[in-house]
Amino acid sequence: MATIFAPEFPDVDHGDNAAILSEALARVAVFWKLSNAELGQALGLSAASASRLKNRTYDVQPGTKPFELGQYVVRLFRGLDALLGSDDAAAQSWLRSDNRELGGKPIERLPTIRGLLDLTAYVDGYRGRS
């Protein structure tokens, strides 16, 4: 699996946090096979804006809710990636499978702030046990 934080993004200014996070979110969407609607719901964006983000014609901006939520999505990605040994198929399966501890499918919790925070805390908790 390719990393979402490669040492060099050829088309990204490393001082541009909006572009860096947006590139990372676009890569997460690819690795997790998120639809535009799923990505948009997780970030509080329309499906059209999520599509533009994935196509790299839109960046989430620092100081906005989509930027803050995007940081949590990347944190969740990194935690899950570490737990599952960079296995994209396992991460996709985890997101879309019932989880009794979470009370349903993790992907269904992404659209709410509380759900995203709970997922992040859940994965961080498992990482802390490892």
N, C-alpha and C. Protein backbone atom coordinates (compact mmCIF):
# COMPACT_ATOMS: atom_id res chain seq x y z
N MET A 1 0.84 -1.18 0.00
CA MET A 1 0.00 0.00 0.00
C MET A 1 0.87 1.23 0.00
N ALA A 2 0.51 2.20 -0.77
CA ALA A 2 1.21 3.47 -0.79
C ALA A 2 0.80 4.28 0.42
N THR A 3 1.70 5.10 0.90
CA THR A 3 1.40 5.93 2.06
C THR A 3 0.65 7.18 1.64
N ILE A 4 -0.19 7.70 2.53
CA ILE A 4 -0.87 8.95 2.22
C ILE A 4 0.04 10.13 2.49
N PHE A 5 1.13 9.90 3.22
CA PHE A 5 2.07 10.97 3.53
C PHE A 5 3.43 10.65 2.94
N ALA A 6 3.51 10.63 1.62
CA ALA A 6 4.78 10.41 0.95
C ALA A 6 5.71 11.58 1.28
N PRO A 7 7.03 11.34 1.33
CA PRO A 7 7.95 12.43 1.66
C PRO A 7 7.81 13.63 0.73
N GLU A 8 7.45 13.38 -0.48
CA GLU A 8 7.31 14.47 -1.44
C GLU A 8 6.02 14.30 -2.24
N PHE A 9 5.14 15.28 -2.16
CA PHE A 9 4.02 15.36 -3.07
C PHE A 9 4.50 16.26 -4.19
N PRO A 10 4.67 15.78 -5.40
CA PRO A 10 5.26 16.59 -6.46
C PRO A 10 4.49 17.86 -6.76
N ASP A 11 3.18 17.87 -6.57
CA ASP A 11 2.39 19.04 -6.93
C ASP A 11 1.90 19.83 -5.72
N VAL A 12 2.48 19.58 -4.54
CA VAL A 12 2.00 20.23 -3.33
C VAL A 12 3.10 21.03 -2.67
N ASP A 13 2.80 22.27 -2.34
CA ASP A 13 3.69 23.13 -1.57
C ASP A 13 3.63 22.66 -0.13
N HIS A 14 4.76 22.25 0.45
CA HIS A 14 4.75 21.67 1.79
C HIS A 14 4.39 22.67 2.87
N GLY A 15 4.35 23.94 2.56
CA GLY A 15 3.89 24.94 3.51
C GLY A 15 2.40 25.17 3.41
N ASP A 16 1.74 24.49 2.51
CA ASP A 16 0.32 24.67 2.26
C ASP A 16 -0.48 23.55 2.94
N ASN A 17 -0.88 23.79 4.19
CA ASN A 17 -1.59 22.76 4.96
C ASN A 17 -2.88 22.32 4.28
N ALA A 18 -3.57 23.25 3.63
CA ALA A 18 -4.82 22.91 2.95
C ALA A 18 -4.57 21.87 1.86
N ALA A 19 -3.55 22.09 1.07
CA ALA A 19 -3.24 21.16 -0.03
C ALA A 19 -2.75 19.82 0.51
N ILE A 20 -1.95 19.84 1.56
CA ILE A 20 -1.42 18.60 2.12
C ILE A 20 -2.55 17.74 2.68
N LEU A 21 -3.41 18.35 3.50
CA LEU A 21 -4.51 17.58 4.07
C LEU A 21 -5.48 17.12 2.99
N SER A 22 -5.75 17.98 2.03
CA SER A 22 -6.67 17.62 0.95
C SER A 22 -6.13 16.45 0.13
N GLU A 23 -4.85 16.45 -0.14
CA GLU A 23 -4.23 15.33 -0.86
C GLU A 23 -4.35 14.05 -0.04
N ALA A 24 -4.10 14.15 1.26
CA ALA A 24 -4.21 12.98 2.13
C ALA A 24 -5.64 12.45 2.14
N LEU A 25 -6.62 13.34 2.22
CA LEU A 25 -8.03 12.92 2.22
C LEU A 25 -8.41 12.27 0.90
N ALA A 26 -7.90 12.79 -0.20
CA ALA A 26 -8.17 12.18 -1.51
C ALA A 26 -7.61 10.76 -1.55
N ARG A 27 -6.44 10.58 -0.97
CA ARG A 27 -5.84 9.24 -0.95
C ARG A 27 -6.60 8.30 -0.02
N VAL A 28 -7.05 8.79 1.14
CA VAL A 28 -7.86 7.97 2.04
C VAL A 28 -9.12 7.49 1.31
N ALA A 29 -9.76 8.40 0.59
CA ALA A 29 -10.97 8.05 -0.15
C ALA A 29 -10.71 6.92 -1.15
N VAL A 30 -9.55 6.95 -1.78
CA VAL A 30 -9.19 5.89 -2.74
C VAL A 30 -8.93 4.58 -1.99
N PHE A 31 -8.11 4.63 -0.93
CA PHE A 31 -7.76 3.41 -0.20
C PHE A 31 -8.98 2.76 0.43
N TRP A 32 -9.90 3.57 0.95
CA TRP A 32 -11.10 3.04 1.60
C TRP A 32 -12.26 2.88 0.63
N LYS A 33 -12.08 3.25 -0.61
CA LYS A 33 -13.13 3.18 -1.63
C LYS A 33 -14.39 3.92 -1.18
N LEU A 34 -14.19 5.14 -0.68
CA LEU A 34 -15.32 5.97 -0.25
C LEU A 34 -15.96 6.63 -1.45
N SER A 35 -17.26 6.60 -1.49
CA SER A 35 -17.97 7.34 -2.53
C SER A 35 -17.87 8.83 -2.24
N ASN A 36 -18.24 9.64 -3.21
CA ASN A 36 -18.24 11.08 -2.99
C ASN A 36 -19.19 11.44 -1.85
N ALA A 37 -20.33 10.77 -1.80
CA ALA A 37 -21.31 11.03 -0.74
C ALA A 37 -20.74 10.65 0.63
N GLU A 38 -20.08 9.50 0.73
CA GLU A 38 -19.51 9.06 2.00
C GLU A 38 -18.42 10.02 2.47
N LEU A 39 -17.52 10.40 1.57
CA LEU A 39 -16.47 11.34 1.93
C LEU A 39 -17.07 12.69 2.31
N GLY A 40 -18.00 13.15 1.52
CA GLY A 40 -18.63 14.44 1.80
C GLY A 40 -19.33 14.46 3.14
N GLN A 41 -20.05 13.38 3.46
CA GLN A 41 -20.75 13.32 4.74
C GLN A 41 -19.77 13.33 5.91
N ALA A 42 -18.65 12.63 5.76
CA ALA A 42 -17.66 12.59 6.83
C ALA A 42 -17.03 13.97 7.08
N LEU A 43 -16.94 14.77 6.03
CA LEU A 43 -16.28 16.08 6.13
C LEU A 43 -17.25 17.24 6.23
N GLY A 44 -18.54 16.96 6.10
CA GLY A 44 -19.52 18.03 6.11
C GLY A 44 -19.52 18.82 4.81
N LEU A 45 -19.26 18.12 3.72
CA LEU A 45 -19.24 18.72 2.38
C LEU A 45 -20.31 18.08 1.51
N SER A 46 -20.66 18.75 0.45
CA SER A 46 -21.56 18.14 -0.52
C SER A 46 -20.79 17.06 -1.28
N ALA A 47 -21.53 16.17 -1.91
CA ALA A 47 -20.90 15.14 -2.74
C ALA A 47 -20.11 15.78 -3.88
N ALA A 48 -20.61 16.90 -4.40
CA ALA A 48 -19.90 17.60 -5.49
C ALA A 48 -18.56 18.16 -5.00
N SER A 49 -18.55 18.75 -3.82
CA SER A 49 -17.28 19.26 -3.27
C SER A 49 -16.32 18.11 -2.97
N ALA A 50 -16.86 16.99 -2.47
CA ALA A 50 -16.01 15.82 -2.22
C ALA A 50 -15.41 15.31 -3.52
N SER A 51 -16.19 15.33 -4.59
CA SER A 51 -15.68 14.92 -5.89
C SER A 51 -14.54 15.83 -6.34
N ARG A 52 -14.71 17.13 -6.16
CA ARG A 52 -13.65 18.08 -6.52
C ARG A 52 -12.42 17.87 -5.65
N LEU A 53 -12.62 17.55 -4.37
CA LEU A 53 -11.49 17.27 -3.49
C LEU A 53 -10.73 16.04 -3.99
N LYS A 54 -11.48 14.99 -4.32
CA LYS A 54 -10.84 13.77 -4.82
C LYS A 54 -10.13 14.01 -6.14
N ASN A 55 -10.64 14.92 -6.95
CA ASN A 55 -10.01 15.24 -8.24
C ASN A 55 -8.95 16.33 -8.12
N ARG A 56 -8.75 16.80 -6.88
CA ARG A 56 -7.72 17.79 -6.54
C ARG A 56 -7.96 19.17 -7.16
N THR A 57 -9.22 19.54 -7.29
CA THR A 57 -9.56 20.89 -7.74
C THR A 57 -10.21 21.69 -6.61
N TYR A 58 -10.20 21.13 -5.40
CA TYR A 58 -10.77 21.78 -4.22
C TYR A 58 -9.94 21.37 -3.02
N ASP A 59 -9.67 22.31 -2.13
CA ASP A 59 -8.95 22.02 -0.89
C ASP A 59 -9.79 22.43 0.31
N VAL A 60 -9.77 21.60 1.35
CA VAL A 60 -10.37 22.02 2.61
C VAL A 60 -9.47 23.10 3.19
N GLN A 61 -10.06 24.11 3.82
CA GLN A 61 -9.30 25.26 4.29
C GLN A 61 -9.12 25.25 5.81
N PRO A 62 -7.91 25.57 6.29
CA PRO A 62 -7.69 25.65 7.73
C PRO A 62 -8.71 26.59 8.38
N GLY A 63 -9.12 26.23 9.58
CA GLY A 63 -10.08 27.04 10.30
C GLY A 63 -11.53 26.72 9.99
N THR A 64 -11.76 25.74 9.11
CA THR A 64 -13.13 25.35 8.76
C THR A 64 -13.43 23.97 9.36
N LYS A 65 -14.71 23.67 9.50
CA LYS A 65 -15.12 22.35 10.00
C LYS A 65 -14.62 21.22 9.11
N PRO A 66 -14.74 21.34 7.76
CA PRO A 66 -14.22 20.24 6.93
C PRO A 66 -12.73 19.97 7.16
N PHE A 67 -11.95 21.01 7.41
CA PHE A 67 -10.52 20.84 7.68
C PHE A 67 -10.33 20.09 9.00
N GLU A 68 -11.05 20.52 10.03
CA GLU A 68 -10.93 19.86 11.34
C GLU A 68 -11.38 18.40 11.26
N LEU A 69 -12.51 18.16 10.62
CA LEU A 69 -12.99 16.79 10.47
C LEU A 69 -12.03 15.96 9.63
N GLY A 70 -11.45 16.58 8.62
CA GLY A 70 -10.48 15.89 7.78
C GLY A 70 -9.27 15.42 8.57
N GLN A 71 -8.86 16.22 9.55
CA GLN A 71 -7.74 15.80 10.39
C GLN A 71 -8.09 14.52 11.15
N TYR A 72 -9.33 14.43 11.62
CA TYR A 72 -9.75 13.22 12.32
C TYR A 72 -9.88 12.03 11.37
N VAL A 73 -10.33 12.27 10.15
CA VAL A 73 -10.41 11.17 9.17
C VAL A 73 -9.02 10.62 8.90
N VAL A 74 -8.03 11.50 8.74
CA VAL A 74 -6.66 11.04 8.50
C VAL A 74 -6.11 10.34 9.73
N ARG A 75 -6.43 10.86 10.91
CA ARG A 75 -5.98 10.20 12.14
C ARG A 75 -6.58 8.80 12.24
N LEU A 76 -7.87 8.66 11.92
CA LEU A 76 -8.52 7.35 11.91
C LEU A 76 -7.84 6.44 10.90
N PHE A 77 -7.57 6.96 9.71
CA PHE A 77 -6.90 6.18 8.68
C PHE A 77 -5.55 5.66 9.18
N ARG A 78 -4.76 6.56 9.73
CA ARG A 78 -3.42 6.17 10.18
C ARG A 78 -3.48 5.13 11.29
N GLY A 79 -4.42 5.30 12.23
CA GLY A 79 -4.55 4.34 13.31
C GLY A 79 -4.98 2.97 12.81
N LEU A 80 -5.98 2.96 11.94
CA LEU A 80 -6.47 1.71 11.38
C LEU A 80 -5.40 1.05 10.52
N ASP A 81 -4.67 1.86 9.76
CA ASP A 81 -3.60 1.36 8.91
C ASP A 81 -2.52 0.68 9.76
N ALA A 82 -2.18 1.28 10.89
CA ALA A 82 -1.17 0.70 11.78
C ALA A 82 -1.68 -0.61 12.40
N LEU A 83 -2.93 -0.62 12.81
CA LEU A 83 -3.50 -1.83 13.41
C LEU A 83 -3.58 -3.00 12.44
N LEU A 84 -3.92 -2.68 11.20
CA LEU A 84 -4.17 -3.73 10.21
C LEU A 84 -2.99 -4.00 9.28
N GLY A 85 -1.85 -3.45 9.60
CA GLY A 85 -0.65 -3.72 8.83
C GLY A 85 -0.73 -3.26 7.39
N SER A 86 -1.34 -2.09 7.17
CA SER A 86 -1.44 -1.49 5.83
C SER A 86 -2.23 -2.35 4.85
N ASP A 87 -3.18 -3.10 5.37
CA ASP A 87 -4.01 -3.96 4.52
C ASP A 87 -5.29 -3.21 4.16
N ASP A 88 -5.32 -2.65 2.95
CA ASP A 88 -6.47 -1.85 2.52
C ASP A 88 -7.76 -2.65 2.49
N ALA A 89 -7.68 -3.89 2.05
CA ALA A 89 -8.88 -4.73 1.98
C ALA A 89 -9.44 -4.98 3.39
N ALA A 90 -8.56 -5.19 4.35
CA ALA A 90 -9.01 -5.39 5.74
C ALA A 90 -9.65 -4.11 6.29
N ALA A 91 -9.07 -2.96 5.97
CA ALA A 91 -9.64 -1.69 6.42
C ALA A 91 -11.02 -1.47 5.81
N GLN A 92 -11.15 -1.75 4.52
CA GLN A 92 -12.45 -1.60 3.86
C GLN A 92 -13.48 -2.55 4.49
N SER A 93 -13.05 -3.76 4.79
CA SER A 93 -13.94 -4.74 5.41
C SER A 93 -14.35 -4.28 6.81
N TRP A 94 -13.40 -3.77 7.58
CA TRP A 94 -13.70 -3.29 8.93
C TRP A 94 -14.72 -2.16 8.88
N LEU A 95 -14.54 -1.25 7.96
CA LEU A 95 -15.45 -0.11 7.85
C LEU A 95 -16.88 -0.54 7.52
N ARG A 96 -17.02 -1.61 6.76
CA ARG A 96 -18.33 -1.99 6.25
C ARG A 96 -18.95 -3.23 6.93
N SER A 97 -18.29 -3.71 7.97
CA SER A 97 -18.79 -4.89 8.69
C SER A 97 -19.40 -4.48 10.02
N ASP A 98 -20.39 -5.27 10.46
CA ASP A 98 -20.99 -5.01 11.76
C ASP A 98 -19.95 -5.15 12.86
N ASN A 99 -20.03 -4.25 13.83
CA ASN A 99 -19.12 -4.27 14.97
C ASN A 99 -20.00 -4.11 16.22
N ARG A 100 -20.09 -5.16 17.00
CA ARG A 100 -20.96 -5.12 18.19
C ARG A 100 -20.54 -4.04 19.18
N GLU A 101 -19.25 -3.85 19.36
CA GLU A 101 -18.78 -2.84 20.31
C GLU A 101 -19.18 -1.44 19.88
N LEU A 102 -19.26 -1.21 18.58
CA LEU A 102 -19.62 0.11 18.07
C LEU A 102 -21.12 0.23 17.77
N GLY A 103 -21.83 -0.87 17.87
CA GLY A 103 -23.26 -0.84 17.64
C GLY A 103 -23.66 -0.70 16.18
N GLY A 104 -22.87 -1.26 15.28
CA GLY A 104 -23.19 -1.21 13.85
C GLY A 104 -21.93 -1.14 13.01
N LYS A 105 -22.11 -0.73 11.78
CA LYS A 105 -20.98 -0.63 10.85
C LYS A 105 -20.26 0.70 11.06
N PRO A 106 -18.94 0.66 11.18
CA PRO A 106 -18.20 1.91 11.36
C PRO A 106 -18.48 2.95 10.28
N ILE A 107 -18.65 2.54 9.03
CA ILE A 107 -18.90 3.49 7.94
C ILE A 107 -20.17 4.30 8.20
N GLU A 108 -21.13 3.72 8.92
CA GLU A 108 -22.36 4.42 9.24
C GLU A 108 -22.17 5.48 10.31
N ARG A 109 -21.05 5.43 11.02
CA ARG A 109 -20.77 6.41 12.07
C ARG A 109 -19.97 7.60 11.54
N LEU A 110 -19.36 7.45 10.38
CA LEU A 110 -18.53 8.53 9.82
C LEU A 110 -19.28 9.84 9.57
N PRO A 111 -20.55 9.83 9.19
CA PRO A 111 -21.22 11.09 8.86
C PRO A 111 -21.47 12.04 10.04
N THR A 112 -21.30 11.57 11.27
CA THR A 112 -21.52 12.46 12.40
C THR A 112 -20.21 12.76 13.11
N ILE A 113 -20.14 13.94 13.68
CA ILE A 113 -18.92 14.31 14.42
C ILE A 113 -18.71 13.35 15.57
N ARG A 114 -19.76 13.09 16.34
CA ARG A 114 -19.66 12.16 17.48
C ARG A 114 -19.19 10.79 17.00
N GLY A 115 -19.75 10.31 15.87
CA GLY A 115 -19.35 9.02 15.34
C GLY A 115 -17.89 8.99 14.93
N LEU A 116 -17.44 10.02 14.25
CA LEU A 116 -16.04 10.09 13.82
C LEU A 116 -15.11 10.12 15.02
N LEU A 117 -15.46 10.89 16.04
CA LEU A 117 -14.64 10.96 17.25
C LEU A 117 -14.64 9.62 17.98
N ASP A 118 -15.80 8.97 18.05
CA ASP A 118 -15.88 7.66 18.69
C ASP A 118 -15.03 6.63 17.95
N LEU A 119 -15.09 6.62 16.62
CA LEU A 119 -14.28 5.69 15.84
C LEU A 119 -12.80 5.92 16.07
N THR A 120 -12.41 7.18 16.09
CA THR A 120 -11.00 7.52 16.31
C THR A 120 -10.56 7.06 17.69
N ALA A 121 -11.37 7.32 18.70
CA ALA A 121 -11.04 6.90 20.07
C ALA A 121 -10.98 5.37 20.17
N TYR A 122 -11.90 4.70 19.50
CA TYR A 122 -11.94 3.24 19.50
C TYR A 122 -10.66 2.66 18.92
N VAL A 123 -10.26 3.16 17.75
CA VAL A 123 -9.05 2.67 17.10
C VAL A 123 -7.81 3.05 17.92
N ASP A 124 -7.78 4.26 18.45
CA ASP A 124 -6.65 4.68 19.30
C ASP A 124 -6.55 3.78 20.52
N GLY A 125 -7.70 3.40 21.09
CA GLY A 125 -7.70 2.51 22.25
C GLY A 125 -7.11 1.16 21.93
N TYR A 126 -7.43 0.63 20.76
CA TYR A 126 -6.85 -0.66 20.36
C TYR A 126 -5.36 -0.52 20.08
N ARG A 127 -4.97 0.58 19.53
CA ARG A 127 -3.53 0.79 19.29
C ARG A 127 -2.78 0.86 20.61
N GLY A 128 -3.41 1.45 21.63
CA GLY A 128 -2.76 1.57 22.93
C GLY A 128 -2.56 0.22 23.61
N ARG A 129 -3.40 -0.76 23.27
CA ARG A 129 -3.28 -2.10 23.84
C ARG A 129 -2.19 -2.92 23.17
N SER A 130 -1.85 -2.54 21.95
CA SER A 130 -0.87 -3.34 21.18
C SER A 130 0.52 -3.20 21.71
